[in-house]
C-alpha cells in the first residue's frame, strides 16, 4: 500500500536542509530504485519552484511500504529528522486514484 509522509519544517530550515540534503536524496533514490516511490518533493515557501533563501515549509513523499509501521520507521529515520529540519511528520495511508 502507498503511504503519504507529510513533513512540516521548522522555521528557517534551509541551512539544515542543505547540510542533510545529499543523505535525504540518497534514501529517496533507493526507494525509487526499488520501485516503491510514487512522488517526492518539497513545499516551496514562496509561490515559485525556486524560492531561493526563503526555502521550504515541508516535504511530501508518497511511497509503497508493507505496513503503516514500516512507513513510520522509514520516515523516522530520514536524515532531515536527525538534522532537525522537521518539526512534525505525519504518515497516512494513501490510495492512488488518478491519473
PDB file of N, CA and C in Angstrom:
ATOM      1  N   UNK A   1       0.846  -1.181   0.000  1.00  0.00           N
ATOM      2  CA  UNK A   1       0.000   0.000   0.000  1.00  0.00           C
ATOM      3  C   UNK A   1       0.890   1.242   0.000  1.00  0.00           C
ATOM      4  N   UNK A   2       0.345   2.306  -0.583  1.00  0.00           N
ATOM      5  CA  UNK A   2       1.041   3.582  -0.546  1.00  0.00           C
ATOM      6  C   UNK A   2       0.772   4.298   0.775  1.00  0.00           C
ATOM      7  N   UNK A   3       1.763   5.104   1.175  1.00  0.00           N
ATOM      8  CA  UNK A   3       1.642   5.944   2.367  1.00  0.00           C
ATOM      9  C   UNK A   3       2.152   7.335   2.030  1.00  0.00           C
ATOM     10  N   UNK A   4       1.434   8.350   2.525  1.00  0.00           N
ATOM     11  CA  UNK A   4       1.860   9.742   2.369  1.00  0.00           C
ATOM     12  C   UNK A   4       2.624  10.132   3.626  1.00  0.00           C
ATOM     13  N   UNK A   5       3.822  10.626   3.420  1.00  0.00           N
ATOM     14  CA  UNK A   5       4.647  11.129   4.511  1.00  0.00           C
ATOM     15  C   UNK A   5       4.690  12.631   4.344  1.00  0.00           C
ATOM     16  N   UNK A   6       3.988  13.326   5.235  1.00  0.00           N
ATOM     17  CA  UNK A   6       3.806  14.773   5.142  1.00  0.00           C
ATOM     18  C   UNK A   6       4.622  15.410   6.260  1.00  0.00           C
ATOM     19  N   UNK A   7       5.640  16.163   5.880  1.00  0.00           N
ATOM     20  CA  UNK A   7       6.555  16.733   6.861  1.00  0.00           C
ATOM     21  C   UNK A   7       6.470  18.244   6.847  1.00  0.00           C
ATOM     22  N   UNK A   8       6.518  18.826   8.032  1.00  0.00           N
ATOM     23  CA  UNK A   8       6.487  20.278   8.182  1.00  0.00           C
ATOM     24  C   UNK A   8       7.818  20.737   8.762  1.00  0.00           C
ATOM     25  N   UNK A   9       8.429  21.733   8.114  1.00  0.00           N
ATOM     26  CA  UNK A   9       9.731  22.241   8.541  1.00  0.00           C
ATOM     27  C   UNK A   9       9.636  23.151   9.755  1.00  0.00           C
ATOM     28  N   UNK A  10      10.739  23.221  10.481  1.00  0.00           N
ATOM     29  CA  UNK A  10      10.906  24.254  11.493  1.00  0.00           C
ATOM     30  C   UNK A  10      11.121  25.573  10.745  1.00  0.00           C
ATOM     31  N   UNK A  11      11.020  26.692  11.439  1.00  0.00           N
ATOM     32  CA  UNK A  11      11.315  27.984  10.824  1.00  0.00           C
ATOM     33  C   UNK A  11      12.787  28.026  10.416  1.00  0.00           C
ATOM     34  N   UNK A  12      13.061  28.703   9.322  1.00  0.00           N
ATOM     35  CA  UNK A  12      14.438  28.911   8.841  1.00  0.00           C
ATOM     36  C   UNK A  12      15.195  27.589   8.689  1.00  0.00           C
ATOM     37  N   UNK A  13      14.568  26.635   8.043  1.00  0.00           N
ATOM     38  CA  UNK A  13      15.143  25.287   7.909  1.00  0.00           C
ATOM     39  C   UNK A  13      16.172  25.148   6.787  1.00  0.00           C
ATOM     40  N   UNK A  14      16.295  26.136   5.921  1.00  0.00           N
ATOM     41  CA  UNK A  14      17.142  25.983   4.739  1.00  0.00           C
ATOM     42  C   UNK A  14      18.585  25.577   5.061  1.00  0.00           C
ATOM     43  N   UNK A  15      19.255  26.191   6.028  1.00  0.00           N
ATOM     44  CA  UNK A  15      20.624  25.748   6.324  1.00  0.00           C
ATOM     45  C   UNK A  15      20.678  24.286   6.782  1.00  0.00           C
ATOM     46  N   UNK A  16      19.693  23.859   7.547  1.00  0.00           N
ATOM     47  CA  UNK A  16      19.639  22.468   7.996  1.00  0.00           C
ATOM     48  C   UNK A  16      19.390  21.529   6.825  1.00  0.00           C
ATOM     49  N   UNK A  17      18.503  21.934   5.925  1.00  0.00           N
ATOM     50  CA  UNK A  17      18.222  21.136   4.731  1.00  0.00           C
ATOM     51  C   UNK A  17      19.490  20.950   3.898  1.00  0.00           C
ATOM     52  N   UNK A  18      20.209  22.026   3.709  1.00  0.00           N
ATOM     53  CA  UNK A  18      21.417  21.963   2.879  1.00  0.00           C
ATOM     54  C   UNK A  18      22.434  20.967   3.440  1.00  0.00           C
ATOM     55  N   UNK A  19      22.565  20.927   4.752  1.00  0.00           N
ATOM     56  CA  UNK A  19      23.529  20.024   5.381  1.00  0.00           C
ATOM     57  C   UNK A  19      23.166  18.553   5.184  1.00  0.00           C
ATOM     58  N   UNK A  20      21.887  18.235   5.213  1.00  0.00           N
ATOM     59  CA  UNK A  20      21.452  16.831   5.177  1.00  0.00           C
ATOM     60  C   UNK A  20      20.895  16.397   3.818  1.00  0.00           C
ATOM     61  N   UNK A  21      20.878  17.296   2.851  1.00  0.00           N
ATOM     62  CA  UNK A  21      20.194  17.014   1.585  1.00  0.00           C
ATOM     63  C   UNK A  21      20.727  15.785   0.855  1.00  0.00           C
ATOM     64  N   UNK A  22      22.018  15.622   0.749  1.00  0.00           N
ATOM     65  CA  UNK A  22      22.534  14.501  -0.039  1.00  0.00           C
ATOM     66  C   UNK A  22      22.116  13.154   0.565  1.00  0.00           C
ATOM     67  N   UNK A  23      22.131  13.026   1.867  1.00  0.00           N
ATOM     68  CA  UNK A  23      21.696  11.776   2.507  1.00  0.00           C
ATOM     69  C   UNK A  23      20.195  11.584   2.347  1.00  0.00           C
ATOM     70  N   UNK A  24      19.438  12.661   2.443  1.00  0.00           N
ATOM     71  CA  UNK A  24      17.974  12.608   2.262  1.00  0.00           C
ATOM     72  C   UNK A  24      17.641  12.134   0.844  1.00  0.00           C
ATOM     73  N   UNK A  25      18.289  12.724  -0.150  1.00  0.00           N
ATOM     74  CA  UNK A  25      18.041  12.362  -1.551  1.00  0.00           C
ATOM     75  C   UNK A  25      18.464  10.916  -1.821  1.00  0.00           C
ATOM     76  N   UNK A  26      19.557  10.477  -1.245  1.00  0.00           N
ATOM     77  CA  UNK A  26      20.028   9.103  -1.451  1.00  0.00           C
ATOM     78  C   UNK A  26      18.980   8.086  -0.988  1.00  0.00           C
ATOM     79  N   UNK A  27      18.303   8.362   0.118  1.00  0.00           N
ATOM     80  CA  UNK A  27      17.252   7.453   0.603  1.00  0.00           C
ATOM     81  C   UNK A  27      16.066   7.433  -0.353  1.00  0.00           C
ATOM     82  N   UNK A  28      15.713   8.593  -0.887  1.00  0.00           N
ATOM     83  CA  UNK A  28      14.619   8.659  -1.850  1.00  0.00           C
ATOM     84  C   UNK A  28      14.985   7.930  -3.141  1.00  0.00           C
ATOM     85  N   UNK A  29      16.218   8.084  -3.576  1.00  0.00           N
ATOM     86  CA  UNK A  29      16.660   7.379  -4.779  1.00  0.00           C
ATOM     87  C   UNK A  29      16.635   5.867  -4.573  1.00  0.00           C
ATOM     88  N   UNK A  30      16.951   5.417  -3.374  1.00  0.00           N
ATOM     89  CA  UNK A  30      16.886   3.980  -3.077  1.00  0.00           C
ATOM     90  C   UNK A  30      15.441   3.482  -3.171  1.00  0.00           C
ATOM     91  N   UNK A  31      14.498   4.253  -2.645  1.00  0.00           N
ATOM     92  CA  UNK A  31      13.074   3.889  -2.774  1.00  0.00           C
ATOM     93  C   UNK A  31      12.667   3.829  -4.241  1.00  0.00           C
ATOM     94  N   UNK A  32      13.105   4.823  -4.997  1.00  0.00           N
ATOM     95  CA  UNK A  32      12.808   4.856  -6.432  1.00  0.00           C
ATOM     96  C   UNK A  32      13.370   3.619  -7.133  1.00  0.00           C
ATOM     97  N   UNK A  33      14.618   3.313  -6.845  1.00  0.00           N
ATOM     98  CA  UNK A  33      15.283   2.183  -7.489  1.00  0.00           C
ATOM     99  C   UNK A  33      14.637   0.847  -7.134  1.00  0.00           C
ATOM    100  N   UNK A  34      13.992   0.779  -5.977  1.00  0.00           N
ATOM    101  CA  UNK A  34      13.289  -0.432  -5.543  1.00  0.00           C
ATOM    102  C   UNK A  34      11.845  -0.464  -6.065  1.00  0.00           C
ATOM    103  N   UNK A  35      11.463   0.583  -6.818  1.00  0.00           N
ATOM    104  CA  UNK A  35      10.117   0.641  -7.373  1.00  0.00           C
ATOM    105  C   UNK A  35       9.037   1.017  -6.382  1.00  0.00           C
ATOM    106  N   UNK A  36       9.421   1.619  -5.261  1.00  0.00           N
ATOM    107  CA  UNK A  36       8.460   1.949  -4.204  1.00  0.00           C
ATOM    108  C   UNK A  36       7.998   3.404  -4.226  1.00  0.00           C
ATOM    109  N   UNK A  37       8.740   4.289  -4.871  1.00  0.00           N
ATOM    110  CA  UNK A  37       8.457   5.720  -4.794  1.00  0.00           C
ATOM    111  C   UNK A  37       7.476   6.149  -5.877  1.00  0.00           C
ATOM    112  N   UNK A  38       6.383   6.778  -5.456  1.00  0.00           N
ATOM    113  CA  UNK A  38       5.420   7.351  -6.393  1.00  0.00           C
ATOM    114  C   UNK A  38       5.799   8.790  -6.720  1.00  0.00           C
ATOM    115  N   UNK A  39       6.064   9.596  -5.686  1.00  0.00           N
ATOM    116  CA  UNK A  39       6.421  11.002  -5.877  1.00  0.00           C
ATOM    117  C   UNK A  39       7.072  11.523  -4.591  1.00  0.00           C
ATOM    118  N   UNK A  40       7.942  12.506  -4.745  1.00  0.00           N
ATOM    119  CA  UNK A  40       8.561  13.138  -3.580  1.00  0.00           C
ATOM    120  C   UNK A  40       8.999  14.545  -3.959  1.00  0.00           C
ATOM    121  N   UNK A  41       8.904  15.445  -2.998  1.00  0.00           N
ATOM    122  CA  UNK A  41       9.381  16.799  -3.233  1.00  0.00           C
ATOM    123  C   UNK A  41       9.037  17.730  -2.089  1.00  0.00           C
ATOM    124  N   UNK A  42       9.672  18.902  -2.095  1.00  0.00           N
ATOM    125  CA  UNK A  42       9.444  19.890  -1.043  1.00  0.00           C
ATOM    126  C   UNK A  42       8.300  20.846  -1.377  1.00  0.00           C
ATOM    127  N   UNK A  43       7.852  21.546  -0.348  1.00  0.00           N
ATOM    128  CA  UNK A  43       6.851  22.608  -0.497  1.00  0.00           C
ATOM    129  C   UNK A  43       7.595  23.951  -0.422  1.00  0.00           C
ATOM    130  N   UNK A  44       7.750  24.657  -1.549  1.00  0.00           N
ATOM    131  CA  UNK A  44       8.433  25.954  -1.518  1.00  0.00           C
ATOM    132  C   UNK A  44       7.711  26.951  -0.613  1.00  0.00           C
ATOM    133  N   UNK A  45       8.492  27.776   0.073  1.00  0.00           N
ATOM    134  CA  UNK A  45       7.925  28.791   0.962  1.00  0.00           C
ATOM    135  C   UNK A  45       7.271  29.929   0.178  1.00  0.00           C
ATOM    136  N   UNK A  46       7.652  30.081  -1.086  1.00  0.00           N
ATOM    137  CA  UNK A  46       7.070  31.093  -1.962  1.00  0.00           C
ATOM    138  C   UNK A  46       6.407  30.402  -3.139  1.00  0.00           C
ATOM    139  N   UNK A  47       5.535  31.108  -3.816  1.00  0.00           N
ATOM    140  CA  UNK A  47       4.810  30.559  -4.962  1.00  0.00           C
ATOM    141  C   UNK A  47       5.703  30.541  -6.199  1.00  0.00           C
ATOM    142  N   UNK A  48       6.766  29.742  -6.103  1.00  0.00           N
ATOM    143  CA  UNK A  48       7.719  29.592  -7.193  1.00  0.00           C
ATOM    144  C   UNK A  48       8.486  28.296  -6.979  1.00  0.00           C
ATOM    145  N   UNK A  49       8.929  27.682  -8.065  1.00  0.00           N
ATOM    146  CA  UNK A  49       9.681  26.435  -7.955  1.00  0.00           C
ATOM    147  C   UNK A  49      11.046  26.643  -7.307  1.00  0.00           C
ATOM    148  N   UNK A  50      11.585  27.829  -7.425  1.00  0.00           N
ATOM    149  CA  UNK A  50      12.907  28.148  -6.854  1.00  0.00           C
ATOM    150  C   UNK A  50      12.753  29.287  -5.851  1.00  0.00           C
ATOM    151  N   UNK A  51      12.469  28.979  -4.575  1.00  0.00           N
ATOM    152  CA  UNK A  51      12.204  30.033  -3.592  1.00  0.00           C
ATOM    153  C   UNK A  51      13.430  30.730  -3.037  1.00  0.00           C
ATOM    154  N   UNK A  52      14.629  30.330  -3.481  1.00  0.00           N
ATOM    155  CA  UNK A  52      15.843  30.980  -3.008  1.00  0.00           C
ATOM    156  C   UNK A  52      16.004  30.854  -1.504  1.00  0.00           C
ATOM    157  N   UNK A  53      16.428  31.926  -0.879  1.00  0.00           N
ATOM    158  CA  UNK A  53      16.699  31.905   0.562  1.00  0.00           C
ATOM    159  C   UNK A  53      15.443  31.770   1.413  1.00  0.00           C
ATOM    160  N   UNK A  54      14.243  31.923   0.809  1.00  0.00           N
ATOM    161  CA  UNK A  54      13.003  31.711   1.564  1.00  0.00           C
ATOM    162  C   UNK A  54      12.863  30.238   1.937  1.00  0.00           C
ATOM    163  N   UNK A  55      13.453  29.361   1.128  1.00  0.00           N
ATOM    164  CA  UNK A  55      13.482  27.945   1.460  1.00  0.00           C
ATOM    165  C   UNK A  55      12.160  27.231   1.272  1.00  0.00           C
ATOM    166  N   UNK A  56      11.917  26.288   2.164  1.00  0.00           N
ATOM    167  CA  UNK A  56      10.775  25.387   2.041  1.00  0.00           C
ATOM    168  C   UNK A  56      10.042  25.278   3.373  1.00  0.00           C
ATOM    169  N   UNK A  57       8.787  24.891   3.297  1.00  0.00           N
ATOM    170  CA  UNK A  57       7.981  24.763   4.512  1.00  0.00           C
ATOM    171  C   UNK A  57       7.724  23.314   4.897  1.00  0.00           C
ATOM    172  N   UNK A  58       8.144  22.390   4.067  1.00  0.00           N
ATOM    173  CA  UNK A  58       7.939  20.974   4.357  1.00  0.00           C
ATOM    174  C   UNK A  58       8.179  20.135   3.126  1.00  0.00           C
ATOM    175  N   UNK A  59       7.799  18.860   3.237  1.00  0.00           N
ATOM    176  CA  UNK A  59       8.010  17.912   2.154  1.00  0.00           C
ATOM    177  C   UNK A  59       6.865  16.924   2.085  1.00  0.00           C
ATOM    178  N   UNK A  60       6.726  16.310   0.915  1.00  0.00           N
ATOM    179  CA  UNK A  60       5.757  15.241   0.715  1.00  0.00           C
ATOM    180  C   UNK A  60       6.458  14.076   0.038  1.00  0.00           C
ATOM    181  N   UNK A  61       6.291  12.895   0.600  1.00  0.00           N
ATOM    182  CA  UNK A  61       6.774  11.658  -0.016  1.00  0.00           C
ATOM    183  C   UNK A  61       5.586  10.716  -0.065  1.00  0.00           C
ATOM    184  N   UNK A  62       5.313  10.154  -1.223  1.00  0.00           N
ATOM    185  CA  UNK A  62       4.305   9.100  -1.343  1.00  0.00           C
ATOM    186  C   UNK A  62       5.032   7.878  -1.870  1.00  0.00           C
ATOM    187  N   UNK A  63       5.036   6.836  -1.049  1.00  0.00           N
ATOM    188  CA  UNK A  63       5.798   5.633  -1.382  1.00  0.00           C
ATOM    189  C   UNK A  63       5.072   4.400  -0.867  1.00  0.00           C
ATOM    190  N   UNK A  64       5.447   3.269  -1.440  1.00  0.00           N
ATOM    191  CA  UNK A  64       4.835   1.996  -1.080  1.00  0.00           C
ATOM    192  C   UNK A  64       5.655   1.311   0.020  1.00  0.00           C
ATOM    193  N   UNK A  65       4.954   0.867   1.049  1.00  0.00           N
ATOM    194  CA  UNK A  65       5.557   0.125   2.150  1.00  0.00           C
ATOM    195  C   UNK A  65       4.647  -1.042   2.490  1.00  0.00           C
ATOM    196  N   UNK A  66       5.182  -2.019   3.206  1.00  0.00           N
ATOM    197  CA  UNK A  66       4.416  -3.210   3.583  1.00  0.00           C
ATOM    198  C   UNK A  66       3.358  -2.901   4.636  1.00  0.00           C
ATOM    199  N   UNK A  67       3.589  -1.841   5.432  1.00  0.00           N
ATOM    200  CA  UNK A  67       2.643  -1.518   6.507  1.00  0.00           C
ATOM    201  C   UNK A  67       2.829  -0.067   6.943  1.00  0.00           C
ATOM    202  N   UNK A  68       1.876   0.419   7.696  1.00  0.00           N
ATOM    203  CA  UNK A  68       1.969   1.762   8.261  1.00  0.00           C
ATOM    204  C   UNK A  68       3.166   1.848   9.197  1.00  0.00           C
ATOM    205  N   UNK A  69       3.398   0.819   9.998  1.00  0.00           N
ATOM    206  CA  UNK A  69       4.545   0.820  10.906  1.00  0.00           C
ATOM    207  C   UNK A  69       5.859   0.927  10.138  1.00  0.00           C
ATOM    208  N   UNK A  70       5.974   0.192   9.030  1.00  0.00           N
ATOM    209  CA  UNK A  70       7.193   0.263   8.221  1.00  0.00           C
ATOM    210  C   UNK A  70       7.373   1.663   7.639  1.00  0.00           C
ATOM    211  N   UNK A  71       6.290   2.266   7.173  1.00  0.00           N
ATOM    212  CA  UNK A  71       6.364   3.629   6.631  1.00  0.00           C
ATOM    213  C   UNK A  71       6.797   4.616   7.715  1.00  0.00           C
ATOM    214  N   UNK A  72       6.266   4.455   8.919  1.00  0.00           N
ATOM    215  CA  UNK A  72       6.652   5.345  10.023  1.00  0.00           C
ATOM    216  C   UNK A  72       8.124   5.166  10.389  1.00  0.00           C
ATOM    217  N   UNK A  73       8.592   3.922  10.428  1.00  0.00           N
ATOM    218  CA  UNK A  73      10.012   3.679  10.732  1.00  0.00           C
ATOM    219  C   UNK A  73      10.909   4.323   9.681  1.00  0.00           C
ATOM    220  N   UNK A  74      10.508   4.185   8.406  1.00  0.00           N
ATOM    221  CA  UNK A  74      11.288   4.796   7.337  1.00  0.00           C
ATOM    222  C   UNK A  74      11.314   6.314   7.512  1.00  0.00           C
ATOM    223  N   UNK A  75      10.160   6.900   7.777  1.00  0.00           N
ATOM    224  CA  UNK A  75      10.070   8.357   7.945  1.00  0.00           C
ATOM    225  C   UNK A  75      10.888   8.826   9.152  1.00  0.00           C
ATOM    226  N   UNK A  76      10.846   8.084  10.235  1.00  0.00           N
ATOM    227  CA  UNK A  76      11.583   8.463  11.447  1.00  0.00           C
ATOM    228  C   UNK A  76      13.092   8.434  11.239  1.00  0.00           C
ATOM    229  N   UNK A  77      13.561   7.633  10.278  1.00  0.00           N
ATOM    230  CA  UNK A  77      14.990   7.505  10.024  1.00  0.00           C
ATOM    231  C   UNK A  77      15.500   8.488   8.967  1.00  0.00           C
ATOM    232  N   UNK A  78      14.655   9.394   8.508  1.00  0.00           N
ATOM    233  CA  UNK A  78      15.057  10.363   7.490  1.00  0.00           C
ATOM    234  C   UNK A  78      16.172  11.261   8.031  1.00  0.00           C
ATOM    235  N   UNK A  79      17.219  11.496   7.256  1.00  0.00           N
ATOM    236  CA  UNK A  79      18.286  12.407   7.690  1.00  0.00           C
ATOM    237  C   UNK A  79      17.783  13.811   8.035  1.00  0.00           C
ATOM    238  N   UNK A  80      16.697  14.241   7.422  1.00  0.00           N
ATOM    239  CA  UNK A  80      16.135  15.547   7.781  1.00  0.00           C
ATOM    240  C   UNK A  80      15.577  15.540   9.200  1.00  0.00           C
ATOM    241  N   UNK A  81      15.078  14.415   9.670  1.00  0.00           N
ATOM    242  CA  UNK A  81      14.612  14.312  11.057  1.00  0.00           C
ATOM    243  C   UNK A  81      15.799  14.472  11.989  1.00  0.00           C
ATOM    244  N   UNK A  82      16.856  13.722  11.726  1.00  0.00           N
ATOM    245  CA  UNK A  82      18.058  13.788  12.555  1.00  0.00           C
ATOM    246  C   UNK A  82      18.677  15.178  12.556  1.00  0.00           C
ATOM    247  N   UNK A  83      18.617  15.875  11.408  1.00  0.00           N
ATOM    248  CA  UNK A  83      19.206  17.209  11.284  1.00  0.00           C
ATOM    249  C   UNK A  83      18.335  18.296  11.902  1.00  0.00           C
ATOM    250  N   UNK A  84      17.113  17.963  12.317  1.00  0.00           N
ATOM    251  CA  UNK A  84      16.226  18.958  12.919  1.00  0.00           C
ATOM    252  C   UNK A  84      15.453  19.799  11.926  1.00  0.00           C
ATOM    253  N   UNK A  85      15.361  19.344  10.673  1.00  0.00           N
ATOM    254  CA  UNK A  85      14.632  20.088   9.640  1.00  0.00           C
ATOM    255  C   UNK A  85      13.138  20.085   9.929  1.00  0.00           C
ATOM    256  N   UNK A  86      12.617  18.941  10.352  1.00  0.00           N
ATOM    257  CA  UNK A  86      11.170  18.796  10.508  1.00  0.00           C
ATOM    258  C   UNK A  86      10.725  19.009  11.950  1.00  0.00           C
ATOM    259  N   UNK A  87       9.642  19.775  12.101  1.00  0.00           N
ATOM    260  CA  UNK A  87       9.027  19.918  13.416  1.00  0.00           C
ATOM    261  C   UNK A  87       7.914  18.895  13.621  1.00  0.00           C
ATOM    262  N   UNK A  88       7.366  18.385  12.494  1.00  0.00           N
ATOM    263  CA  UNK A  88       6.275  17.414  12.576  1.00  0.00           C
ATOM    264  C   UNK A  88       6.301  16.546  11.327  1.00  0.00           C
ATOM    265  N   UNK A  89       6.067  15.248  11.530  1.00  0.00           N
ATOM    266  CA  UNK A  89       5.967  14.310  10.421  1.00  0.00           C
ATOM    267  C   UNK A  89       4.703  13.482  10.636  1.00  0.00           C
ATOM    268  N   UNK A  90       3.834  13.482   9.632  1.00  0.00           N
ATOM    269  CA  UNK A  90       2.599  12.709   9.673  1.00  0.00           C
ATOM    270  C   UNK A  90       2.671  11.647   8.586  1.00  0.00           C
ATOM    271  N   UNK A  91       2.312  10.420   8.940  1.00  0.00           N
ATOM    272  CA  UNK A  91       2.305   9.322   7.979  1.00  0.00           C
ATOM    273  C   UNK A  91       0.885   8.773   7.914  1.00  0.00           C
ATOM    274  N   UNK A  92       0.326   8.732   6.692  1.00  0.00           N
ATOM    275  CA  UNK A  92      -1.055   8.281   6.495  1.00  0.00           C
ATOM    276  C   UNK A  92      -1.124   7.322   5.323  1.00  0.00           C
ATOM    277  N   UNK A  93      -2.021   6.346   5.387  1.00  0.00           N
ATOM    278  CA  UNK A  93      -2.276   5.522   4.190  1.00  0.00           C
ATOM    279  C   UNK A  93      -2.753   6.424   3.061  1.00  0.00           C
ATOM    280  N   UNK A  94      -2.391   6.049   1.835  1.00  0.00           N
ATOM    281  CA  UNK A  94      -2.756   6.834   0.645  1.00  0.00           C
ATOM    282  C   UNK A  94      -3.262   5.889  -0.433  1.00  0.00           C
ATOM    283  N   UNK A  95      -4.395   6.227  -1.003  1.00  0.00           N
ATOM    284  CA  UNK A  95      -4.962   5.438  -2.104  1.00  0.00           C
ATOM    285  C   UNK A  95      -4.853   6.247  -3.386  1.00  0.00           C
ATOM    286  N   UNK A  96      -4.023   5.770  -4.301  1.00  0.00           N
ATOM    287  CA  UNK A  96      -3.868   6.436  -5.589  1.00  0.00           C
ATOM    288  C   UNK A  96      -5.089   6.137  -6.459  1.00  0.00           C
ATOM    289  N   UNK A  97      -5.771   7.173  -6.934  1.00  0.00           N
ATOM    290  CA  UNK A  97      -6.958   7.016  -7.754  1.00  0.00           C
ATOM    291  C   UNK A  97      -6.712   7.499  -9.187  1.00  0.00           C
ATOM    292  N   UNK A  98      -6.112   8.665  -9.345  1.00  0.00           N
ATOM    293  CA  UNK A  98      -5.842   9.239 -10.659  1.00  0.00           C
ATOM    294  C   UNK A  98      -4.397   9.671 -10.730  1.00  0.00           C
ATOM    295  N   UNK A  99      -3.726   9.767 -11.802  1.00  0.00           N
ATOM    296  CA  UNK A  99      -4.236   9.515 -13.141  1.00  0.00           C
ATOM    297  C   UNK A  99      -4.343   8.037 -13.444  1.00  0.00           C
TER     298      UNK A  99
END
